[in-house]
Every structure is written in structure tokens, then in C-alpha cells.
């Protein structure tokens, strides 16, 4: 194998790993919405099945929905806005805006 071929193979492998890790860390916005609605009192709790979605809710960006600023730490308004927009992007069910607002009021500003 030539040196150029080796570098090409390594670059493609690294790009593939980066792409796979990003997809593995994201959760369906509908799942996040349903789990957050359940723990907020707007439906049945998902129990242990919701643990990954809740971890995604609290994980810092880019792996999650919590926004941290380099200078001030946790950014509550930016996190609430990011979380609201994420739940609103659920394409398969009708997201109730009142439930989303209640979820954000209860949990949107929590790291």
C-alpha cells in the first residue's frame, strides 16, 4: 500500500467513526417529548426506557441538549430554547405547545 493510500484509508476511517458517534448520541425528538411529558405529569412515565432520553436532555452540547458557555457555565435560557426547539421538531405526533411550555417551565433551565 502506498503512503497516499494509507492516509486515505485512515482519513475515511476517522470520518466514519465521527459520523457514527454523532448518530449514536442523538435521540428522537418524539421520544424526548414523550419521556419529558411523562415525568412532568402529562402522561405515563416511560420508566427505565426513558433513561437514555433523559440523559440526552441533561448532557452538554453537542452530545445533548444542555448548553454551556465557556465563560459563565450552564446557559439556562439557551438550554431552554434549544430543548423547546428540539421537542417542536418531532414530526410523527402533534406536539402540544402547552405541554412543551410546561415541560420547559419545569425542566428547561435545569442543567
Protein backbone atom coordinates (compact mmCIF):
# COMPACT_ATOMS: atom_id res chain seq x y z
CA UNK A 1 0.00 0.00 0.00
CA UNK A 2 1.29 3.42 -0.87
CA UNK A 3 1.62 6.21 1.65
CA UNK A 4 -1.17 8.12 -0.08
CA UNK A 5 -3.48 5.08 0.09
CA UNK A 6 -2.69 4.64 3.78
CA UNK A 7 -3.60 8.25 4.57
CA UNK A 8 -6.82 7.96 2.55
CA UNK A 9 -7.81 4.81 4.46
CA UNK A 10 -7.09 6.46 7.81
CA UNK A 11 -9.00 9.63 6.88
CA UNK A 12 -12.06 7.66 5.75
CA UNK A 13 -11.96 5.56 8.91
CA UNK A 14 -11.80 8.63 11.16
CA UNK A 15 -14.62 10.31 9.24
CA UNK A 16 -16.73 7.17 9.60
CA UNK A 17 -16.11 7.00 13.35
CA UNK A 18 -17.03 10.65 13.80
CA UNK A 19 -20.25 10.21 11.82
CA UNK A 20 -21.26 7.06 13.70
CA UNK A 21 -20.62 8.58 17.13
CA UNK A 22 -22.80 11.60 16.38
CA UNK A 23 -25.72 9.43 15.23
CA UNK A 24 -25.38 7.13 18.22
CA UNK A 25 -25.70 10.02 20.68
CA UNK A 26 -28.85 11.70 19.37
CA UNK A 27 -32.36 10.76 20.42
CA UNK A 28 -35.59 11.03 18.53
CA UNK A 29 -37.32 14.31 19.47
CA UNK A 30 -40.63 12.46 19.84
CA UNK A 31 -39.11 10.09 22.40
CA UNK A 32 -37.65 13.01 24.33
CA UNK A 33 -41.01 14.80 24.23
CA UNK A 34 -42.95 11.74 25.43
CA UNK A 35 -40.49 10.98 28.24
CA UNK A 36 -40.36 14.57 29.44
CA UNK A 37 -44.16 14.80 29.29
CA UNK A 38 -44.39 11.64 31.38
CA UNK A 39 -42.07 12.84 34.13
CA UNK A 40 -43.79 16.24 34.09
CA UNK A 41 -47.20 14.71 34.83
CA UNK A 42 -48.69 14.84 31.32
CA UNK A 43 -48.75 11.11 30.64
CA UNK A 44 -47.41 7.78 31.74
CA UNK A 45 -43.81 7.65 32.87
CA UNK A 46 -41.61 5.73 30.48
CA UNK A 47 -39.68 4.23 33.37
CA UNK A 48 -36.25 2.78 32.62
CA UNK A 49 -36.89 3.06 28.86
CA UNK A 50 -36.69 6.85 29.22
CA UNK A 51 -33.28 6.86 30.92
CA UNK A 52 -31.29 7.41 27.67
CA UNK A 53 -33.61 10.23 26.54
CA UNK A 54 -33.32 11.91 29.94
CA UNK A 55 -29.54 11.55 29.82
CA UNK A 56 -29.62 13.24 26.40
CA UNK A 57 -31.75 16.06 27.90
CA UNK A 58 -29.11 16.76 30.56
CA UNK A 59 -25.94 16.09 28.54
CA UNK A 60 -23.97 19.11 27.32
CA UNK A 61 -23.96 20.03 23.64
CA UNK A 62 -23.08 18.72 21.10
CA UNK A 63 -23.88 15.31 22.60
CA UNK A 64 -27.02 16.58 24.35
CA UNK A 65 -29.45 19.44 24.83
CA UNK A 66 -27.82 21.36 27.72
CA UNK A 67 -25.94 24.46 26.57
CA UNK A 68 -22.81 25.55 28.40
CA UNK A 69 -20.98 28.81 27.86
CA UNK A 70 -17.21 28.86 28.14
CA UNK A 71 -17.26 31.92 30.43
CA UNK A 72 -20.40 31.51 32.54
CA UNK A 73 -21.04 27.76 32.61
CA UNK A 74 -24.59 26.46 32.20
CA UNK A 75 -26.69 28.77 29.99
CA UNK A 76 -30.29 28.28 31.19
CA UNK A 77 -32.06 30.45 28.56
CA UNK A 78 -30.11 28.92 25.67
CA UNK A 79 -30.72 25.40 27.03
CA UNK A 80 -34.46 26.05 27.38
CA UNK A 81 -34.64 27.42 23.83
CA UNK A 82 -32.63 24.50 22.40
CA UNK A 83 -34.77 21.96 24.25
CA UNK A 84 -38.03 23.60 23.14
CA UNK A 85 -36.94 23.73 19.50
CA UNK A 86 -35.82 20.11 19.67
CA UNK A 87 -39.16 18.88 21.02
CA UNK A 88 -41.03 21.03 18.49
CA UNK A 89 -39.16 19.22 15.70
CA UNK A 90 -40.99 15.96 16.42
CA UNK A 91 -42.54 15.03 13.04
CA UNK A 92 -44.64 11.98 13.92
CA UNK A 93 -47.06 13.32 16.53
CA UNK A 94 -48.75 16.59 17.20
CA UNK A 95 -46.76 18.27 19.92
CA UNK A 96 -48.99 20.14 22.34
CA UNK A 97 -47.49 23.64 22.77
CA UNK A 98 -48.97 23.95 26.27
CA UNK A 99 -47.27 20.71 27.34
CA UNK A 100 -43.97 21.82 25.80
CA UNK A 101 -44.22 25.15 27.66
CA UNK A 102 -44.94 23.33 30.92
CA UNK A 103 -42.01 20.96 30.38
CA UNK A 104 -39.69 23.90 29.70
CA UNK A 105 -41.01 25.75 32.76
CA UNK A 106 -40.34 22.70 34.95
CA UNK A 107 -37.17 21.25 33.42
CA UNK A 108 -35.89 23.56 30.68
CA UNK A 109 -33.49 25.54 32.85
CA UNK A 110 -32.04 22.61 34.81
CA UNK A 111 -28.52 21.50 33.87
